[in-house]
Amino acid sequence: DVLSRHDDVTDMLKATPLNWPAATQKGVAFRQRFQLALNIQRRFGLTAPLAGALAQRLGVLEFMKQVLRDQQDTTIAEIERLLPEEARAAFRECATHRFEMVTEQAEALALQFPDYAAALHRRDLMLAGLRLEENAYDRLLEQSIIGPEIHNDLVKRLESANANADRLPPLRLKLNAAELVGKVPFFEVLSRGRRKRIARLLKTRFFVPGDRIIIRGEIGEDMYFIASGAVRVLLPDQQIPLGTGDFFGELALITDQPRNADVEAVGFSTLLCLQRRDFAAFLRRHPDVRDAIRKTAKERLGVGADITL
């Protein structure tokens, strides 16, 4: 984990004022391993690889943030003094932008998984405490208060504690459809039994910021309920934000027409997916839900729209 975090930070810190936008974006981009874990969750419903990838990403971002903050206090000022005066403002802007982007990404992920972020923070405090303890033992050795043998024993104990503390804590994703259905305001008024029956037809899908959930012009095969997070509908003349409890994608299933807009995730979002093959049966079994979908579909299609469900 330490080596992987070091590699990520090294990529970021190789940037120059000429290539810093691309280098900064690369530093916070979702890596191939993360995308693979995301695809495994969407296709097979397995969350363990995704939880591990999310945990590593948050750990990397927090580490990068610490390094960049330290640079702002020390290295950046030293480098600025070596630059021509006309280049200093651009260099400072580069460093500030890099720090802000990494901080924004880390905070967004921490907001989505606050318990895990808190566990990471506790781990970092423990590691800092162990480093202070090691420094104290070094001073005791220098002052001849303890001998080399005792010092070595104390340092070995700290090395073992460091190895345990440096492991990333496990992140447990709660992506069970039955649990998530009850968190959607759209379904919370239903009885527990009905929510369980609905959950059998819904698949859980996790999306990260910037993911394109729906592509304009494609044939629609799914509609989505937002269990948590936020998305935006990208129309030619406007953007429509949708949040927890909203749904989208139903028009393509109702009209059998291609998608009329793009939809992308704004934040880390957990969606409940209803596939076309289950759509008609779902509406037959749940007439109150059907009526709500019909009402929203008529509003989205405009006055005079004829919706038959």
C-alpha atoms as a PDB file:
ATOM      1  CA  ASP A   1       0.000   0.000   0.000  1.00  0.00           C
ATOM      2  CA  VAL A   2       2.796   2.392   0.862  1.00  0.00           C
ATOM      3  CA  LEU A   3       4.553   1.686  -2.437  1.00  0.00           C
ATOM      4  CA  SER A   4       1.352   2.159  -4.451  1.00  0.00           C
ATOM      5  CA  ARG A   5       0.686   5.485  -2.734  1.00  0.00           C
ATOM      6  CA  HIS A   6       4.277   6.570  -3.386  1.00  0.00           C
ATOM      7  CA  ASP A   7       3.922   5.789  -7.109  1.00  0.00           C
ATOM      8  CA  ASP A   8       0.733   7.841  -7.358  1.00  0.00           C
ATOM      9  CA  VAL A   9       2.325  10.815  -5.645  1.00  0.00           C
ATOM     10  CA  THR A  10       5.452  10.548  -7.804  1.00  0.00           C
ATOM     11  CA  ASP A  11       3.311  10.795 -10.960  1.00  0.00           C
ATOM     12  CA  MET A  12       1.765  13.990  -9.641  1.00  0.00           C
ATOM     13  CA  LEU A  13       4.998  15.612  -8.526  1.00  0.00           C
ATOM     14  CA  LYS A  14       6.742  15.113 -11.875  1.00  0.00           C
ATOM     15  CA  ALA A  15       4.490  17.779 -13.403  1.00  0.00           C
ATOM     16  CA  THR A  16       5.916  21.054 -14.691  1.00  0.00           C
ATOM     17  CA  PRO A  17       4.085  24.355 -15.311  1.00  0.00           C
ATOM     18  CA  LEU A  18       3.782  23.283 -18.954  1.00  0.00           C
ATOM     19  CA  ASN A  19       1.930  20.010 -18.342  1.00  0.00           C
ATOM     20  CA  TRP A  20       0.358  20.483 -14.916  1.00  0.00           C
ATOM     21  CA  PRO A  21      -3.339  20.336 -15.992  1.00  0.00           C
ATOM     22  CA  ALA A  22      -2.893  16.909 -17.592  1.00  0.00           C
ATOM     23  CA  ALA A  23      -0.632  15.658 -14.810  1.00  0.00           C
ATOM     24  CA  THR A  24      -3.055  16.803 -12.115  1.00  0.00           C
ATOM     25  CA  GLN A  25      -5.989  15.123 -13.851  1.00  0.00           C
ATOM     26  CA  LYS A  26      -3.959  11.948 -14.247  1.00  0.00           C
ATOM     27  CA  GLY A  27      -3.153  11.979 -10.554  1.00  0.00           C
ATOM     28  CA  VAL A  28      -6.828  11.886  -9.528  1.00  0.00           C
ATOM     29  CA  ALA A  29      -8.139   9.746 -12.404  1.00  0.00           C
ATOM     30  CA  PHE A  30      -9.782   6.424 -11.667  1.00  0.00           C
ATOM     31  CA  ARG A  31      -7.227   3.749 -12.503  1.00  0.00           C
ATOM     32  CA  GLN A  32      -7.790   0.632 -14.602  1.00  0.00           C
ATOM     33  CA  ARG A  33      -7.968  -1.580 -11.507  1.00  0.00           C
ATOM     34  CA  PHE A  34     -10.725   0.625 -10.086  1.00  0.00           C
ATOM     35  CA  GLN A  35     -12.726   0.466 -13.321  1.00  0.00           C
ATOM     36  CA  LEU A  36     -12.379  -3.320 -13.365  1.00  0.00           C
ATOM     37  CA  ALA A  37     -13.719  -3.524  -9.797  1.00  0.00           C
ATOM     38  CA  LEU A  38     -16.601  -1.226 -10.777  1.00  0.00           C
ATOM     39  CA  ASN A  39     -17.500  -3.433 -13.762  1.00  0.00           C
ATOM     40  CA  ILE A  40     -17.422  -6.554 -11.571  1.00  0.00           C
ATOM     41  CA  GLN A  41     -19.907  -4.933  -9.177  1.00  0.00           C
ATOM     42  CA  ARG A  42     -22.243  -3.872 -11.980  1.00  0.00           C
ATOM     43  CA  ARG A  43     -22.171  -7.194 -13.802  1.00  0.00           C
ATOM     44  CA  PHE A  44     -21.991  -9.722 -10.958  1.00  0.00           C
ATOM     45  CA  GLY A  45     -23.053  -7.717  -7.895  1.00  0.00           C
ATOM     46  CA  LEU A  46     -19.771  -8.458  -6.049  1.00  0.00           C
ATOM     47  CA  THR A  47     -18.734  -5.567  -3.806  1.00  0.00           C
ATOM     48  CA  ALA A  48     -15.471  -6.776  -2.222  1.00  0.00           C
ATOM     49  CA  PRO A  49     -13.150  -5.732  -5.127  1.00  0.00           C
ATOM     50  CA  LEU A  50     -14.869  -2.324  -5.354  1.00  0.00           C
ATOM     51  CA  ALA A  51     -14.623  -1.770  -1.601  1.00  0.00           C
ATOM     52  CA  GLY A  52     -10.902  -2.508  -1.762  1.00  0.00           C
ATOM     53  CA  ALA A  53     -10.407  -0.161  -4.709  1.00  0.00           C
ATOM     54  CA  LEU A  54     -12.348   2.639  -2.991  1.00  0.00           C
ATOM     55  CA  ALA A  55     -10.350   2.155   0.199  1.00  0.00           C
ATOM     56  CA  GLN A  56      -7.067   2.353  -1.676  1.00  0.00           C
ATOM     57  CA  ARG A  57      -8.205   5.425  -3.621  1.00  0.00           C
ATOM     58  CA  LEU A  58      -9.162   7.321  -0.484  1.00  0.00           C
ATOM     59  CA  GLY A  59      -5.878   6.321   1.134  1.00  0.00           C
ATOM     60  CA  VAL A  60      -3.916   7.531  -1.913  1.00  0.00           C
ATOM     61  CA  LEU A  61      -5.812  10.827  -2.098  1.00  0.00           C
ATOM     62  CA  GLU A  62      -5.298  11.532   1.604  1.00  0.00           C
ATOM     63  CA  PHE A  63      -1.589  10.761   1.261  1.00  0.00           C
ATOM     64  CA  MET A  64      -1.288  13.008  -1.801  1.00  0.00           C
ATOM     65  CA  LYS A  65      -3.100  15.800   0.030  1.00  0.00           C
ATOM     66  CA  GLN A  66      -0.658  15.599   2.933  1.00  0.00           C
ATOM     67  CA  VAL A  67       2.377  15.658   0.617  1.00  0.00           C
ATOM     68  CA  LEU A  68       1.044  18.605  -1.375  1.00  0.00           C
ATOM     69  CA  ARG A  69       0.151  20.527   1.798  1.00  0.00           C
ATOM     70  CA  ASP A  70       3.694  19.998   3.089  1.00  0.00           C
ATOM     71  CA  GLN A  71       5.047  21.193  -0.252  1.00  0.00           C
ATOM     72  CA  GLN A  72       3.061  24.403  -0.029  1.00  0.00           C
ATOM     73  CA  ASP A  73       4.693  25.179   3.309  1.00  0.00           C
ATOM     74  CA  THR A  74       8.263  24.321   2.273  1.00  0.00           C
ATOM     75  CA  THR A  75       9.251  23.182  -1.213  1.00  0.00           C
ATOM     76  CA  ILE A  76       7.000  25.519  -3.221  1.00  0.00           C
ATOM     77  CA  ALA A  77       8.473  28.662  -1.660  1.00  0.00           C
ATOM     78  CA  GLU A  78      12.014  27.368  -2.202  1.00  0.00           C
ATOM     79  CA  ILE A  79      11.335  26.622  -5.876  1.00  0.00           C
ATOM     80  CA  GLU A  80       9.666  30.002  -6.386  1.00  0.00           C
ATOM     81  CA  ARG A  81      12.836  31.758  -5.271  1.00  0.00           C
ATOM     82  CA  LEU A  82      14.739  29.998  -8.064  1.00  0.00           C
ATOM     83  CA  LEU A  83      12.261  31.046 -10.781  1.00  0.00           C
ATOM     84  CA  PRO A  84      12.158  34.291 -12.767  1.00  0.00           C
ATOM     85  CA  GLU A  85       9.701  36.707 -11.215  1.00  0.00           C
ATOM     86  CA  GLU A  86       7.320  36.491 -14.195  1.00  0.00           C
ATOM     87  CA  ALA A  87       7.044  32.696 -13.804  1.00  0.00           C
ATOM     88  CA  ARG A  88       6.287  32.635 -10.084  1.00  0.00           C
ATOM     89  CA  ALA A  89       2.565  33.415 -10.342  1.00  0.00           C
ATOM     90  CA  ALA A  90       1.999  30.630 -12.899  1.00  0.00           C
ATOM     91  CA  PHE A  91       3.938  28.170 -10.770  1.00  0.00           C
ATOM     92  CA  ARG A  92       1.983  29.112  -7.643  1.00  0.00           C
ATOM     93  CA  GLU A  93      -1.282  28.708  -9.594  1.00  0.00           C
ATOM     94  CA  CYS A  94      -0.128  25.255 -10.727  1.00  0.00           C
ATOM     95  CA  ALA A  95       0.609  24.158  -7.158  1.00  0.00           C
ATOM     96  CA  THR A  96      -2.613  25.622  -5.770  1.00  0.00           C
ATOM     97  CA  HIS A  97      -4.774  24.031  -8.471  1.00  0.00           C
ATOM     98  CA  ARG A  98      -3.142  20.663  -7.894  1.00  0.00           C
ATOM     99  CA  PHE A  99      -3.763  20.807  -4.153  1.00  0.00           C
ATOM    100  CA  GLU A 100      -7.373  21.979  -4.568  1.00  0.00           C
ATOM    101  CA  MET A 101      -8.233  19.222  -7.043  1.00  0.00           C
ATOM    102  CA  VAL A 102      -6.789  16.470  -4.857  1.00  0.00           C
ATOM    103  CA  THR A 103      -8.517  17.937  -1.773  1.00  0.00           C
ATOM    104  CA  GLU A 104     -11.851  18.145  -3.597  1.00  0.00           C
ATOM    105  CA  GLN A 105     -11.634  14.520  -4.718  1.00  0.00           C
ATOM    106  CA  ALA A 106     -10.664  13.316  -1.234  1.00  0.00           C
ATOM    107  CA  GLU A 107     -13.443  15.282   0.468  1.00  0.00           C
ATOM    108  CA  ALA A 108     -16.079  14.045  -1.995  1.00  0.00           C
ATOM    109  CA  LEU A 109     -15.137  10.440  -1.296  1.00  0.00           C
ATOM    110  CA  ALA A 110     -14.950  11.053   2.461  1.00  0.00           C
ATOM    111  CA  LEU A 111     -18.470  12.522   2.429  1.00  0.00           C
ATOM    112  CA  GLN A 112     -19.765   9.395   0.722  1.00  0.00           C
ATOM    113  CA  PHE A 113     -18.007   7.079   3.207  1.00  0.00           C
ATOM    114  CA  PRO A 114     -17.629   9.094   6.443  1.00  0.00           C
ATOM    115  CA  ASP A 115     -17.080   6.081   8.730  1.00  0.00           C
ATOM    116  CA  TYR A 116     -14.251   4.833   6.570  1.00  0.00           C
ATOM    117  CA  ALA A 117     -12.691   8.293   6.306  1.00  0.00           C
ATOM    118  CA  ALA A 118     -12.770   8.521  10.111  1.00  0.00           C
ATOM    119  CA  ALA A 119     -11.052   5.121  10.364  1.00  0.00           C
ATOM    120  CA  LEU A 120      -8.340   6.333   7.986  1.00  0.00           C
ATOM    121  CA  HIS A 121      -7.876   9.473  10.071  1.00  0.00           C
ATOM    122  CA  ARG A 122      -7.461   7.386  13.230  1.00  0.00           C
ATOM    123  CA  ARG A 123      -4.905   5.212  11.443  1.00  0.00           C
ATOM    124  CA  ASP A 124      -2.916   8.284  10.346  1.00  0.00           C
ATOM    125  CA  LEU A 125      -2.923   9.638  13.914  1.00  0.00           C
ATOM    126  CA  MET A 126      -1.656   6.274  15.159  1.00  0.00           C
ATOM    127  CA  LEU A 127       1.161   6.273  12.586  1.00  0.00           C
ATOM    128  CA  ALA A 128       2.097   9.832  13.537  1.00  0.00           C
ATOM    129  CA  GLY A 129       2.192   8.809  17.194  1.00  0.00           C
ATOM    130  CA  LEU A 130       4.464   5.865  16.397  1.00  0.00           C
ATOM    131  CA  ARG A 131       6.857   8.154  14.493  1.00  0.00           C
ATOM    132  CA  LEU A 132       7.006  10.530  17.473  1.00  0.00           C
ATOM    133  CA  GLU A 133       7.676   7.578  19.763  1.00  0.00           C
ATOM    134  CA  GLU A 134      10.546   6.400  17.561  1.00  0.00           C
ATOM    135  CA  ASN A 135      12.059   9.900  17.546  1.00  0.00           C
ATOM    136  CA  ALA A 136      11.875   9.920  21.345  1.00  0.00           C
ATOM    137  CA  TYR A 137      13.761   6.593  21.538  1.00  0.00           C
ATOM    138  CA  ASP A 138      16.436   7.985  19.178  1.00  0.00           C
ATOM    139  CA  ARG A 139      16.918  10.987  21.477  1.00  0.00           C
ATOM    140  CA  LEU A 140      17.202   8.731  24.521  1.00  0.00           C
ATOM    141  CA  LEU A 141      19.915   6.755  22.719  1.00  0.00           C
ATOM    142  CA  GLU A 142      21.773   9.926  21.723  1.00  0.00           C
ATOM    143  CA  GLN A 143      21.674  11.113  25.341  1.00  0.00           C
ATOM    144  CA  SER A 144      22.962   7.703  26.560  1.00  0.00           C
ATOM    145  CA  ILE A 145      19.862   7.244  28.718  1.00  0.00           C
ATOM    146  CA  ILE A 146      19.282   3.852  27.059  1.00  0.00           C
ATOM    147  CA  GLY A 147      21.769   1.553  25.383  1.00  0.00           C
ATOM    148  CA  PRO A 148      21.808   0.216  21.789  1.00  0.00           C
ATOM    149  CA  GLU A 149      20.295  -3.139  22.786  1.00  0.00           C
ATOM    150  CA  ILE A 150      17.271  -1.611  24.491  1.00  0.00           C
ATOM    151  CA  HIS A 151      16.918   0.882  21.620  1.00  0.00           C
ATOM    152  CA  ASN A 152      16.906  -1.941  19.067  1.00  0.00           C
ATOM    153  CA  ASP A 153      14.262  -3.857  21.008  1.00  0.00           C
ATOM    154  CA  LEU A 154      12.035  -0.779  21.236  1.00  0.00           C
ATOM    155  CA  VAL A 155      12.437   0.026  17.525  1.00  0.00           C
ATOM    156  CA  LYS A 156      11.621  -3.573  16.539  1.00  0.00           C
ATOM    157  CA  ARG A 157       8.412  -3.369  18.548  1.00  0.00           C
ATOM    158  CA  LEU A 158       7.530  -0.139  16.765  1.00  0.00           C
ATOM    159  CA  GLU A 159       8.236  -1.691  13.360  1.00  0.00           C
ATOM    160  CA  SER A 160       5.699  -4.416  14.093  1.00  0.00           C
ATOM    161  CA  ALA A 161       3.139  -1.847  15.276  1.00  0.00           C
ATOM    162  CA  ASN A 162       3.816   0.265  12.167  1.00  0.00           C
ATOM    163  CA  ALA A 163       3.244  -2.697   9.865  1.00  0.00           C
ATOM    164  CA  ASN A 164      -0.142  -3.383  11.468  1.00  0.00           C
ATOM    165  CA  ALA A 165      -1.207   0.273  11.568  1.00  0.00           C
ATOM    166  CA  ASP A 166      -0.192   0.976   7.964  1.00  0.00           C
ATOM    167  CA  ARG A 167      -2.689  -1.528   6.556  1.00  0.00           C
ATOM    168  CA  LEU A 168      -5.758   0.080   5.019  1.00  0.00           C
ATOM    169  CA  PRO A 169      -8.841  -0.688   7.137  1.00  0.00           C
ATOM    170  CA  PRO A 170     -11.589  -2.678   5.355  1.00  0.00           C
ATOM    171  CA  LEU A 171     -14.399  -0.735   3.712  1.00  0.00           C
ATOM    172  CA  ARG A 172     -17.808  -2.406   3.762  1.00  0.00           C
ATOM    173  CA  LEU A 173     -20.146  -1.317   0.994  1.00  0.00           C
ATOM    174  CA  LYS A 174     -23.846  -1.619   1.782  1.00  0.00           C
ATOM    175  CA  LEU A 175     -25.275  -2.234  -1.673  1.00  0.00           C
ATOM    176  CA  ASN A 176     -28.001  -4.712  -0.769  1.00  0.00           C
ATOM    177  CA  ALA A 177     -31.078  -3.937  -2.890  1.00  0.00           C
ATOM    178  CA  ALA A 178     -33.541  -4.870  -0.119  1.00  0.00           C
ATOM    179  CA  GLU A 179     -31.920  -2.387   2.279  1.00  0.00           C
ATOM    180  CA  LEU A 180     -31.595   0.346  -0.327  1.00  0.00           C
ATOM    181  CA  VAL A 181     -35.235   0.168  -1.451  1.00  0.00           C
ATOM    182  CA  GLY A 182     -36.349   1.327   2.001  1.00  0.00           C
ATOM    183  CA  LYS A 183     -34.044   4.362   1.753  1.00  0.00           C
ATOM    184  CA  VAL A 184     -35.668   5.639  -1.443  1.00  0.00           C
ATOM    185  CA  PRO A 185     -38.477   8.064  -0.484  1.00  0.00           C
ATOM    186  CA  PHE A 186     -40.369   6.766  -3.501  1.00  0.00           C
ATOM    187  CA  PHE A 187     -40.706   3.349  -1.810  1.00  0.00           C
ATOM    188  CA  GLU A 188     -40.514   4.106   1.908  1.00  0.00           C
ATOM    189  CA  VAL A 189     -44.323   4.403   2.243  1.00  0.00           C
ATOM    190  CA  LEU A 190     -44.718   0.789   1.107  1.00  0.00           C
ATOM    191  CA  SER A 191     -44.914  -2.111   3.533  1.00  0.00           C
ATOM    192  CA  ARG A 192     -41.793  -4.092   4.294  1.00  0.00           C
ATOM    193  CA  GLY A 193     -43.156  -7.091   2.415  1.00  0.00           C
ATOM    194  CA  ARG A 194     -43.811  -5.047  -0.717  1.00  0.00           C
ATOM    195  CA  ARG A 195     -40.353  -3.487  -0.548  1.00  0.00           C
ATOM    196  CA  LYS A 196     -38.833  -6.963  -0.417  1.00  0.00           C
ATOM    197  CA  ARG A 197     -40.806  -8.032  -3.474  1.00  0.00           C
ATOM    198  CA  ILE A 198     -39.709  -4.902  -5.328  1.00  0.00           C
ATOM    199  CA  ALA A 199     -36.074  -5.520  -4.365  1.00  0.00           C
ATOM    200  CA  ARG A 200     -36.151  -8.894  -6.149  1.00  0.00           C
ATOM    201  CA  LEU A 201     -36.627  -7.065  -9.456  1.00  0.00           C
ATOM    202  CA  LEU A 202     -34.040  -4.341  -8.869  1.00  0.00           C
ATOM    203  CA  LYS A 203     -30.289  -4.553  -9.440  1.00  0.00           C
ATOM    204  CA  THR A 204     -27.853  -2.344  -7.533  1.00  0.00           C
ATOM    205  CA  ARG A 205     -25.430  -0.259  -9.605  1.00  0.00           C
ATOM    206  CA  PHE A 206     -22.663   1.992  -8.254  1.00  0.00           C
ATOM    207  CA  PHE A 207     -21.413   4.994 -10.271  1.00  0.00           C
ATOM    208  CA  VAL A 208     -18.552   7.427  -9.705  1.00  0.00           C
ATOM    209  CA  PRO A 209     -18.462  11.159 -10.571  1.00  0.00           C
ATOM    210  CA  GLY A 210     -18.411  11.705 -14.325  1.00  0.00           C
ATOM    211  CA  ASP A 211     -19.730   8.243 -15.210  1.00  0.00           C
ATOM    212  CA  ARG A 212     -22.126   8.362 -18.159  1.00  0.00           C
ATOM    213  CA  ILE A 213     -25.139   6.331 -17.025  1.00  0.00           C
ATOM    214  CA  ILE A 214     -27.323   6.937 -20.081  1.00  0.00           C
ATOM    215  CA  ILE A 215     -26.177   7.924 -23.574  1.00  0.00           C
ATOM    216  CA  ARG A 216     -28.430   9.944 -25.831  1.00  0.00           C
ATOM    217  CA  GLY A 217     -29.589   8.016 -28.898  1.00  0.00           C
ATOM    218  CA  GLU A 218     -29.079   4.530 -27.488  1.00  0.00           C
ATOM    219  CA  ILE A 219     -31.886   2.022 -27.068  1.00  0.00           C
ATOM    220  CA  GLY A 220     -33.060   2.141 -23.477  1.00  0.00           C
ATOM    221  CA  GLU A 221     -33.120  -1.141 -21.584  1.00  0.00           C
ATOM    222  CA  ASP A 222     -33.253   0.116 -17.981  1.00  0.00           C
ATOM    223  CA  MET A 223     -34.769   2.755 -15.734  1.00  0.00           C
ATOM    224  CA  TYR A 224     -33.101   3.892 -12.508  1.00  0.00           C
ATOM    225  CA  PHE A 225     -34.101   4.938  -9.000  1.00  0.00           C
ATOM    226  CA  ILE A 226     -31.527   6.993  -7.073  1.00  0.00           C
ATOM    227  CA  ALA A 227     -30.913   5.363  -3.686  1.00  0.00           C
ATOM    228  CA  SER A 228     -28.130   7.821  -2.833  1.00  0.00           C
ATOM    229  CA  GLY A 229     -26.054  10.421  -4.644  1.00  0.00           C
ATOM    230  CA  ALA A 230     -26.874  12.778  -7.500  1.00  0.00           C
ATOM    231  CA  VAL A 231     -26.992  12.789 -11.301  1.00  0.00           C
ATOM    232  CA  ARG A 232     -27.644  15.384 -13.966  1.00  0.00           C
ATOM    233  CA  VAL A 233     -29.711  15.048 -17.115  1.00  0.00           C
ATOM    234  CA  LEU A 234     -27.920  16.740 -20.037  1.00  0.00           C
ATOM    235  CA  LEU A 235     -30.439  18.149 -22.512  1.00  0.00           C
ATOM    236  CA  PRO A 236     -29.437  20.303 -25.518  1.00  0.00           C
ATOM    237  CA  ASP A 237     -30.632  23.500 -23.846  1.00  0.00           C
ATOM    238  CA  GLN A 238     -30.377  22.758 -20.111  1.00  0.00           C
ATOM    239  CA  GLN A 239     -29.112  20.510 -17.325  1.00  0.00           C
ATOM    240  CA  ILE A 240     -31.555  18.999 -14.836  1.00  0.00           C
ATOM    241  CA  PRO A 241     -30.200  17.830 -11.454  1.00  0.00           C
ATOM    242  CA  LEU A 242     -31.740  14.763  -9.832  1.00  0.00           C
ATOM    243  CA  GLY A 243     -31.046  13.465  -6.324  1.00  0.00           C
ATOM    244  CA  THR A 244     -31.931  10.746  -3.840  1.00  0.00           C
ATOM    245  CA  GLY A 245     -35.475   9.468  -4.403  1.00  0.00           C
ATOM    246  CA  ASP A 246     -35.736  10.636  -8.029  1.00  0.00           C
ATOM    247  CA  PHE A 247     -35.926   8.273 -10.973  1.00  0.00           C
ATOM    248  CA  PHE A 248     -35.029   8.517 -14.657  1.00  0.00           C
ATOM    249  CA  GLY A 249     -34.803   6.466 -17.849  1.00  0.00           C
ATOM    250  CA  GLU A 250     -38.457   5.451 -17.817  1.00  0.00           C
ATOM    251  CA  LEU A 251     -39.381   7.345 -21.005  1.00  0.00           C
ATOM    252  CA  ALA A 252     -37.427   5.026 -23.295  1.00  0.00           C
ATOM    253  CA  LEU A 253     -39.233   2.019 -21.794  1.00  0.00           C
ATOM    254  CA  ILE A 254     -42.644   3.673 -22.076  1.00  0.00           C
ATOM    255  CA  THR A 255     -42.326   5.149 -25.605  1.00  0.00           C
ATOM    256  CA  ASP A 256     -39.914   2.589 -27.136  1.00  0.00           C
ATOM    257  CA  GLN A 257     -37.971   5.552 -28.492  1.00  0.00           C
ATOM    258  CA  PRO A 258     -34.166   6.036 -28.244  1.00  0.00           C
ATOM    259  CA  ARG A 259     -32.840   7.932 -25.238  1.00  0.00           C
ATOM    260  CA  ASN A 260     -33.435  11.677 -25.609  1.00  0.00           C
ATOM    261  CA  ALA A 261     -30.722  12.869 -23.196  1.00  0.00           C
ATOM    262  CA  ASP A 262     -27.402  11.969 -21.610  1.00  0.00           C
ATOM    263  CA  VAL A 263     -27.334  11.312 -17.871  1.00  0.00           C
ATOM    264  CA  GLU A 264     -24.116  11.388 -15.843  1.00  0.00           C
ATOM    265  CA  ALA A 265     -23.260  10.911 -12.185  1.00  0.00           C
ATOM    266  CA  VAL A 266     -22.393  14.096 -10.294  1.00  0.00           C
ATOM    267  CA  GLY A 267     -21.205  12.360  -7.141  1.00  0.00           C
ATOM    268  CA  PHE A 268     -20.685   8.808  -5.955  1.00  0.00           C
ATOM    269  CA  SER A 269     -24.137   7.373  -6.609  1.00  0.00           C
ATOM    270  CA  THR A 270     -25.937   4.141  -5.803  1.00  0.00           C
ATOM    271  CA  LEU A 271     -28.779   3.406  -8.207  1.00  0.00           C
ATOM    272  CA  LEU A 272     -31.459   0.738  -8.305  1.00  0.00           C
ATOM    273  CA  CYS A 273     -31.877  -0.534 -11.850  1.00  0.00           C
ATOM    274  CA  LEU A 274     -35.135  -1.938 -13.264  1.00  0.00           C
ATOM    275  CA  GLN A 275     -34.626  -3.778 -16.546  1.00  0.00           C
ATOM    276  CA  ARG A 276     -37.046  -3.642 -19.482  1.00  0.00           C
ATOM    277  CA  ARG A 277     -37.985  -7.320 -19.191  1.00  0.00           C
ATOM    278  CA  ASP A 278     -39.267  -6.677 -15.637  1.00  0.00           C
ATOM    279  CA  PHE A 279     -40.808  -3.243 -16.256  1.00  0.00           C
ATOM    280  CA  ALA A 280     -44.370  -4.283 -17.241  1.00  0.00           C
ATOM    281  CA  ALA A 281     -44.681  -6.880 -14.465  1.00  0.00           C
ATOM    282  CA  PHE A 282     -43.335  -4.363 -11.953  1.00  0.00           C
ATOM    283  CA  LEU A 283     -46.006  -1.804 -12.888  1.00  0.00           C
ATOM    284  CA  ARG A 284     -48.814  -4.379 -12.823  1.00  0.00           C
ATOM    285  CA  ARG A 285     -47.922  -5.504  -9.316  1.00  0.00           C
ATOM    286  CA  HIS A 286     -47.518  -1.985  -7.932  1.00  0.00           C
ATOM    287  CA  PRO A 287     -50.287   0.290  -9.312  1.00  0.00           C
ATOM    288  CA  ASP A 288     -49.459   3.188  -6.964  1.00  0.00           C
ATOM    289  CA  VAL A 289     -45.863   3.195  -8.194  1.00  0.00           C
ATOM    290  CA  ARG A 290     -47.161   2.915 -11.776  1.00  0.00           C
ATOM    291  CA  ASP A 291     -49.362   6.008 -11.264  1.00  0.00           C
ATOM    292  CA  ALA A 292     -46.409   8.019  -9.922  1.00  0.00           C
ATOM    293  CA  ILE A 293     -44.239   7.002 -12.883  1.00  0.00           C
ATOM    294  CA  ARG A 294     -47.040   7.863 -15.327  1.00  0.00           C
ATOM    295  CA  LYS A 295     -47.482  11.304 -13.762  1.00  0.00           C
ATOM    296  CA  THR A 296     -43.762  12.111 -13.935  1.00  0.00           C
ATOM    297  CA  ALA A 297     -43.500  10.780 -17.498  1.00  0.00           C
ATOM    298  CA  LYS A 298     -46.377  13.035 -18.639  1.00  0.00           C
ATOM    299  CA  GLU A 299     -44.661  16.048 -17.079  1.00  0.00           C
ATOM    300  CA  ARG A 300     -41.397  15.217 -18.816  1.00  0.00           C
ATOM    301  CA  LEU A 301     -42.998  14.601 -22.211  1.00  0.00           C
ATOM    302  CA  GLY A 302     -45.065  17.784 -22.050  1.00  0.00           C
ATOM    303  CA  VAL A 303     -48.715  18.837 -22.152  1.00  0.00           C
ATOM    304  CA  GLY A 304     -50.973  16.505 -24.096  1.00  0.00           C
ATOM    305  CA  ALA A 305     -48.707  13.499 -23.882  1.00  0.00           C
ATOM    306  CA  ASP A 306     -50.626  10.237 -23.966  1.00  0.00           C
ATOM    307  CA  ILE A 307     -49.095   7.745 -21.548  1.00  0.00           C
ATOM    308  CA  THR A 308     -50.426   4.207 -21.507  1.00  0.00           C
ATOM    309  CA  LEU A 309     -49.052   1.903 -18.825  1.00  0.00           C
END
